[in-house]
């Protein structure tokens, strides 16, 4: 009978499980976009954003100015092939180069 295997204290910790709530994968993307606030006190305010990732359901970007979570926005993309999308900011957190913004796009209605 063999001895049970023991791990040294210097061994790698077990991998951290990532609990992903997104229903669509996001892909890294480059480029810039402009967010236009659609309501509230900030109606008409624009925000320049550097894109980080994108999916049909949402996107991540870095904005130079904060956008309050829950704010309805229209996003225009500089890159050809990406039509403007409407959505809502789900998260806005300070980061090293501005604010990390997460946007959930409105789902398009079937005809």
N, C-alpha and C. Protein backbone atom coordinates (compact mmCIF):
# COMPACT_ATOMS: atom_id res chain seq x y z
N UNK A 1 0.83 -1.16 0.00
CA UNK A 1 0.00 0.00 0.00
C UNK A 1 0.89 1.23 0.00
N UNK A 2 0.55 2.21 -0.84
CA UNK A 2 1.39 3.40 -0.96
C UNK A 2 0.94 4.48 0.00
N UNK A 3 1.86 5.39 0.28
CA UNK A 3 1.60 6.52 1.16
C UNK A 3 0.67 7.51 0.47
N UNK A 4 -0.26 8.16 1.18
CA UNK A 4 -1.09 9.19 0.56
C UNK A 4 -0.22 10.36 0.12
N UNK A 5 -0.59 10.93 -1.02
CA UNK A 5 0.18 12.04 -1.58
C UNK A 5 -0.11 13.30 -0.78
N UNK A 6 0.95 14.00 -0.38
CA UNK A 6 0.79 15.26 0.33
C UNK A 6 1.34 16.37 -0.54
N UNK A 7 0.72 17.52 -0.45
CA UNK A 7 1.16 18.67 -1.24
C UNK A 7 2.00 19.57 -0.37
N UNK A 8 3.02 20.11 -0.97
CA UNK A 8 3.87 21.03 -0.23
C UNK A 8 3.16 22.37 -0.10
N UNK A 9 3.49 23.16 0.91
CA UNK A 9 2.85 24.48 1.08
C UNK A 9 3.17 25.41 -0.10
N UNK A 10 4.21 25.11 -0.87
CA UNK A 10 4.59 25.95 -2.00
C UNK A 10 3.88 25.56 -3.29
N UNK A 11 3.04 24.53 -3.23
CA UNK A 11 2.35 24.07 -4.43
C UNK A 11 1.37 25.14 -4.92
N UNK A 12 1.07 25.09 -6.21
CA UNK A 12 0.12 26.04 -6.78
C UNK A 12 -1.24 25.87 -6.12
N UNK A 13 -1.92 27.00 -5.86
CA UNK A 13 -3.26 26.89 -5.29
C UNK A 13 -4.22 26.33 -6.34
N UNK A 14 -5.33 25.76 -5.91
CA UNK A 14 -6.28 25.23 -6.89
C UNK A 14 -6.80 26.36 -7.76
N UNK A 15 -7.16 26.06 -9.00
CA UNK A 15 -7.64 27.12 -9.89
C UNK A 15 -8.92 27.75 -9.34
N UNK A 16 -9.06 29.04 -9.59
CA UNK A 16 -10.24 29.76 -9.14
C UNK A 16 -11.35 29.55 -10.16
N UNK A 17 -12.51 29.19 -9.67
CA UNK A 17 -13.65 29.01 -10.57
C UNK A 17 -14.21 30.38 -10.93
N UNK A 18 -14.49 30.56 -12.19
CA UNK A 18 -15.05 31.81 -12.66
C UNK A 18 -16.54 31.60 -12.88
N UNK A 19 -17.36 32.34 -12.16
CA UNK A 19 -18.79 32.23 -12.31
C UNK A 19 -19.24 33.27 -13.33
N UNK A 20 -19.45 32.83 -14.53
CA UNK A 20 -19.77 33.69 -15.65
C UNK A 20 -21.28 33.82 -15.79
N UNK A 21 -21.78 35.04 -15.78
CA UNK A 21 -23.21 35.26 -15.95
C UNK A 21 -23.57 35.62 -17.38
N UNK A 22 -22.60 35.93 -18.19
CA UNK A 22 -22.89 36.27 -19.58
C UNK A 22 -23.46 35.07 -20.31
N UNK A 23 -24.42 35.33 -21.18
CA UNK A 23 -25.00 34.25 -21.96
C UNK A 23 -24.34 34.13 -23.32
N UNK A 24 -23.54 35.12 -23.70
CA UNK A 24 -22.79 35.10 -24.96
C UNK A 24 -21.33 35.37 -24.65
N UNK A 25 -20.43 34.71 -25.35
CA UNK A 25 -19.02 35.01 -25.19
C UNK A 25 -18.73 36.39 -25.75
N UNK A 26 -17.77 37.07 -25.14
CA UNK A 26 -17.30 38.34 -25.67
C UNK A 26 -15.94 38.12 -26.28
N UNK A 27 -15.65 38.87 -27.35
CA UNK A 27 -14.37 38.75 -28.04
C UNK A 27 -13.61 40.05 -27.89
N UNK A 28 -12.29 39.97 -27.74
CA UNK A 28 -11.49 41.20 -27.68
C UNK A 28 -11.69 42.00 -28.97
N UNK A 29 -11.74 43.29 -28.83
CA UNK A 29 -11.94 44.17 -29.99
C UNK A 29 -11.18 45.46 -29.73
N UNK A 30 -10.70 46.06 -30.76
CA UNK A 30 -10.04 47.35 -30.65
C UNK A 30 -10.91 48.41 -31.29
N UNK A 31 -10.54 49.64 -31.12
CA UNK A 31 -11.26 50.73 -31.75
C UNK A 31 -11.88 51.65 -30.73
N UNK A 32 -12.62 52.61 -31.24
CA UNK A 32 -13.26 53.58 -30.38
C UNK A 32 -14.74 53.67 -30.71
N UNK A 33 -15.49 54.18 -29.75
CA UNK A 33 -16.93 54.37 -29.92
C UNK A 33 -17.31 55.62 -29.14
N UNK A 34 -18.50 56.11 -29.43
CA UNK A 34 -19.05 57.25 -28.71
C UNK A 34 -20.39 56.85 -28.13
N UNK A 35 -20.55 57.09 -26.83
CA UNK A 35 -21.83 56.81 -26.16
C UNK A 35 -22.57 58.13 -25.99
N UNK A 36 -23.85 58.11 -26.30
CA UNK A 36 -24.72 59.27 -26.20
C UNK A 36 -25.79 58.96 -25.17
N UNK A 37 -25.87 59.74 -24.09
CA UNK A 37 -26.86 59.48 -23.05
C UNK A 37 -28.26 59.84 -23.55
N UNK A 38 -29.22 58.94 -23.32
CA UNK A 38 -30.56 59.09 -23.88
C UNK A 38 -31.61 59.60 -22.90
N UNK A 39 -31.26 59.82 -21.65
CA UNK A 39 -32.27 60.29 -20.71
C UNK A 39 -31.66 60.87 -19.46
N UNK A 40 -32.53 61.32 -18.58
CA UNK A 40 -32.11 61.84 -17.28
C UNK A 40 -31.40 63.17 -17.38
N UNK A 41 -30.70 63.52 -16.31
CA UNK A 41 -30.00 64.80 -16.24
C UNK A 41 -28.87 64.90 -17.25
N UNK A 42 -28.35 63.76 -17.69
CA UNK A 42 -27.23 63.77 -18.62
C UNK A 42 -27.64 63.68 -20.07
N UNK A 43 -28.94 63.83 -20.38
CA UNK A 43 -29.40 63.67 -21.77
C UNK A 43 -28.54 64.49 -22.73
N UNK A 44 -28.05 63.82 -23.76
CA UNK A 44 -27.25 64.48 -24.78
C UNK A 44 -25.76 64.49 -24.50
N UNK A 45 -25.35 64.14 -23.30
CA UNK A 45 -23.92 64.11 -22.95
C UNK A 45 -23.27 62.97 -23.74
N UNK A 46 -22.08 63.21 -24.27
CA UNK A 46 -21.37 62.18 -25.01
C UNK A 46 -20.12 61.75 -24.24
N UNK A 47 -19.73 60.50 -24.48
CA UNK A 47 -18.57 59.92 -23.83
C UNK A 47 -17.75 59.18 -24.88
N UNK A 48 -16.49 59.53 -25.01
CA UNK A 48 -15.59 58.80 -25.90
C UNK A 48 -15.10 57.56 -25.18
N UNK A 49 -15.16 56.41 -25.86
CA UNK A 49 -14.78 55.15 -25.23
C UNK A 49 -13.80 54.38 -26.11
N UNK A 50 -12.87 53.70 -25.46
CA UNK A 50 -11.96 52.76 -26.12
C UNK A 50 -12.52 51.37 -25.88
N UNK A 51 -12.77 50.64 -26.95
CA UNK A 51 -13.40 49.32 -26.84
C UNK A 51 -12.43 48.29 -26.29
N UNK A 52 -12.95 47.38 -25.47
CA UNK A 52 -12.16 46.30 -24.88
C UNK A 52 -12.65 44.95 -25.40
N UNK A 53 -13.97 44.71 -25.29
CA UNK A 53 -14.54 43.46 -25.78
C UNK A 53 -15.97 43.70 -26.25
N UNK A 54 -16.49 42.73 -27.03
CA UNK A 54 -17.79 42.91 -27.69
C UNK A 54 -18.46 41.57 -27.90
N UNK A 55 -19.78 41.56 -27.82
CA UNK A 55 -20.59 40.39 -28.18
C UNK A 55 -21.92 40.92 -28.70
N UNK A 56 -22.75 40.06 -29.28
CA UNK A 56 -24.07 40.53 -29.70
C UNK A 56 -24.93 41.04 -28.54
N UNK A 57 -24.62 40.63 -27.31
CA UNK A 57 -25.42 41.01 -26.15
C UNK A 57 -24.87 42.20 -25.36
N UNK A 58 -23.60 42.55 -25.56
CA UNK A 58 -23.04 43.65 -24.78
C UNK A 58 -21.61 43.93 -25.13
N UNK A 59 -21.01 44.86 -24.40
CA UNK A 59 -19.62 45.25 -24.66
C UNK A 59 -18.98 45.79 -23.39
N UNK A 60 -17.66 45.81 -23.42
CA UNK A 60 -16.88 46.42 -22.37
C UNK A 60 -16.01 47.49 -22.99
N UNK A 61 -15.81 48.60 -22.30
CA UNK A 61 -15.02 49.71 -22.83
C UNK A 61 -14.42 50.49 -21.67
N UNK A 62 -13.50 51.38 -22.02
CA UNK A 62 -12.94 52.32 -21.05
C UNK A 62 -13.34 53.71 -21.50
N UNK A 63 -13.99 54.44 -20.59
CA UNK A 63 -14.45 55.80 -20.85
C UNK A 63 -13.60 56.76 -20.05
N UNK A 64 -13.37 57.94 -20.60
CA UNK A 64 -12.62 58.96 -19.86
C UNK A 64 -13.47 59.61 -18.78
N UNK A 65 -14.79 59.49 -18.89
CA UNK A 65 -15.69 60.07 -17.90
C UNK A 65 -16.66 58.99 -17.42
N UNK A 66 -17.15 59.09 -16.19
CA UNK A 66 -18.05 58.06 -15.66
C UNK A 66 -19.44 58.16 -16.29
N UNK A 67 -20.10 57.01 -16.39
CA UNK A 67 -21.49 56.93 -16.84
C UNK A 67 -22.22 56.12 -15.79
N UNK A 68 -23.24 56.68 -15.20
CA UNK A 68 -23.94 56.03 -14.09
C UNK A 68 -24.59 54.73 -14.53
N UNK A 69 -24.45 53.66 -13.73
CA UNK A 69 -25.15 52.42 -14.04
C UNK A 69 -26.65 52.67 -14.16
N UNK A 70 -27.26 52.01 -15.13
CA UNK A 70 -28.68 52.20 -15.40
C UNK A 70 -28.96 53.23 -16.47
N UNK A 71 -27.94 54.01 -16.86
CA UNK A 71 -28.13 55.04 -17.88
C UNK A 71 -28.36 54.40 -19.24
N UNK A 72 -29.42 54.84 -19.92
CA UNK A 72 -29.70 54.38 -21.29
C UNK A 72 -28.79 55.16 -22.23
N UNK A 73 -28.13 54.43 -23.14
CA UNK A 73 -27.20 55.07 -24.07
C UNK A 73 -27.39 54.51 -25.48
N UNK A 74 -26.93 55.30 -26.44
CA UNK A 74 -26.79 54.84 -27.81
C UNK A 74 -25.30 54.86 -28.10
N UNK A 75 -24.80 53.76 -28.66
CA UNK A 75 -23.36 53.65 -28.91
C UNK A 75 -23.13 53.64 -30.41
N UNK A 76 -22.31 54.58 -30.87
CA UNK A 76 -21.90 54.62 -32.27
C UNK A 76 -20.46 54.17 -32.37
N UNK A 77 -20.18 53.25 -33.29
CA UNK A 77 -18.85 52.68 -33.45
C UNK A 77 -18.14 53.31 -34.63
N UNK A 78 -16.85 53.56 -34.47
CA UNK A 78 -16.06 54.11 -35.56
C UNK A 78 -15.76 53.04 -36.61
N UNK A 79 -15.65 51.79 -36.18
CA UNK A 79 -15.29 50.69 -37.09
C UNK A 79 -16.44 50.39 -38.04
N UNK A 80 -16.13 50.23 -39.34
CA UNK A 80 -17.18 49.83 -40.27
C UNK A 80 -17.67 48.42 -39.93
N UNK A 81 -18.94 48.17 -40.21
CA UNK A 81 -19.49 46.84 -39.95
C UNK A 81 -20.13 46.70 -38.58
N UNK A 82 -20.03 47.72 -37.75
CA UNK A 82 -20.67 47.70 -36.43
C UNK A 82 -21.73 48.80 -36.40
N UNK A 83 -22.99 48.44 -36.60
CA UNK A 83 -24.04 49.47 -36.57
C UNK A 83 -24.23 49.99 -35.15
N UNK A 84 -24.79 51.18 -35.04
CA UNK A 84 -25.07 51.77 -33.73
C UNK A 84 -26.00 50.85 -32.94
N UNK A 85 -25.82 50.81 -31.64
CA UNK A 85 -26.64 49.95 -30.77
C UNK A 85 -27.13 50.77 -29.59
N UNK A 86 -28.31 50.43 -29.10
CA UNK A 86 -28.84 51.01 -27.87
C UNK A 86 -28.63 50.02 -26.74
N UNK A 87 -28.45 50.55 -25.54
CA UNK A 87 -28.26 49.68 -24.40
C UNK A 87 -28.31 50.45 -23.10
N UNK A 88 -27.89 49.80 -22.04
CA UNK A 88 -27.85 50.41 -20.72
C UNK A 88 -26.53 50.06 -20.06
N UNK A 89 -25.99 51.01 -19.33
CA UNK A 89 -24.75 50.77 -18.58
C UNK A 89 -25.09 49.88 -17.40
N UNK A 90 -24.39 48.76 -17.28
CA UNK A 90 -24.63 47.86 -16.15
C UNK A 90 -23.59 48.02 -15.05
N UNK A 91 -22.42 48.55 -15.42
CA UNK A 91 -21.36 48.72 -14.42
C UNK A 91 -20.41 49.83 -14.89
N UNK A 92 -19.91 50.61 -13.95
CA UNK A 92 -18.92 51.65 -14.25
C UNK A 92 -18.00 51.76 -13.04
N UNK A 93 -16.75 51.32 -13.21
CA UNK A 93 -15.79 51.30 -12.11
C UNK A 93 -14.52 52.05 -12.49
N UNK A 94 -13.95 52.80 -11.57
CA UNK A 94 -12.68 53.48 -11.88
C UNK A 94 -11.60 52.46 -12.22
N UNK A 95 -10.78 52.79 -13.20
CA UNK A 95 -9.62 51.96 -13.54
C UNK A 95 -8.45 52.90 -13.82
N UNK A 96 -7.31 52.36 -14.12
CA UNK A 96 -6.10 53.17 -14.29
C UNK A 96 -6.18 54.23 -15.36
N UNK A 97 -7.00 54.03 -16.37
CA UNK A 97 -7.03 54.97 -17.50
C UNK A 97 -8.39 55.63 -17.67
N UNK A 98 -9.21 55.64 -16.66
CA UNK A 98 -10.54 56.22 -16.76
C UNK A 98 -11.54 55.38 -15.99
N UNK A 99 -12.58 54.94 -16.68
CA UNK A 99 -13.64 54.15 -16.06
C UNK A 99 -13.96 52.94 -16.93
N UNK A 100 -13.96 51.77 -16.32
CA UNK A 100 -14.29 50.53 -17.04
C UNK A 100 -15.81 50.42 -17.05
N UNK A 101 -16.38 50.45 -18.25
CA UNK A 101 -17.83 50.47 -18.43
C UNK A 101 -18.29 49.17 -19.07
N UNK A 102 -19.36 48.59 -18.53
CA UNK A 102 -20.00 47.42 -19.12
C UNK A 102 -21.38 47.85 -19.61
N UNK A 103 -21.71 47.47 -20.85
CA UNK A 103 -22.97 47.84 -21.46
C UNK A 103 -23.72 46.58 -21.88
N UNK A 104 -25.01 46.53 -21.56
CA UNK A 104 -25.87 45.45 -22.02
C UNK A 104 -26.74 46.04 -23.12
N UNK A 105 -26.66 45.46 -24.32
CA UNK A 105 -27.43 45.96 -25.44
C UNK A 105 -28.89 45.56 -25.34
N UNK A 106 -29.77 46.41 -25.88
CA UNK A 106 -31.18 46.05 -26.01
C UNK A 106 -31.28 44.92 -27.02
N UNK A 107 -32.15 43.97 -26.75
CA UNK A 107 -32.35 42.88 -27.70
C UNK A 107 -33.31 43.36 -28.78
N UNK A 108 -32.97 43.04 -29.99
CA UNK A 108 -33.81 43.47 -31.12
C UNK A 108 -35.06 42.60 -31.17
N UNK A 109 -36.14 43.22 -31.49
CA UNK A 109 -37.41 42.51 -31.61
C UNK A 109 -37.51 41.89 -33.00
N UNK A 110 -38.05 40.69 -33.06
CA UNK A 110 -38.25 40.03 -34.35
C UNK A 110 -39.37 40.72 -35.11
N UNK A 111 -39.25 40.72 -36.42
CA UNK A 111 -40.27 41.39 -37.25
C UNK A 111 -41.55 40.61 -37.32
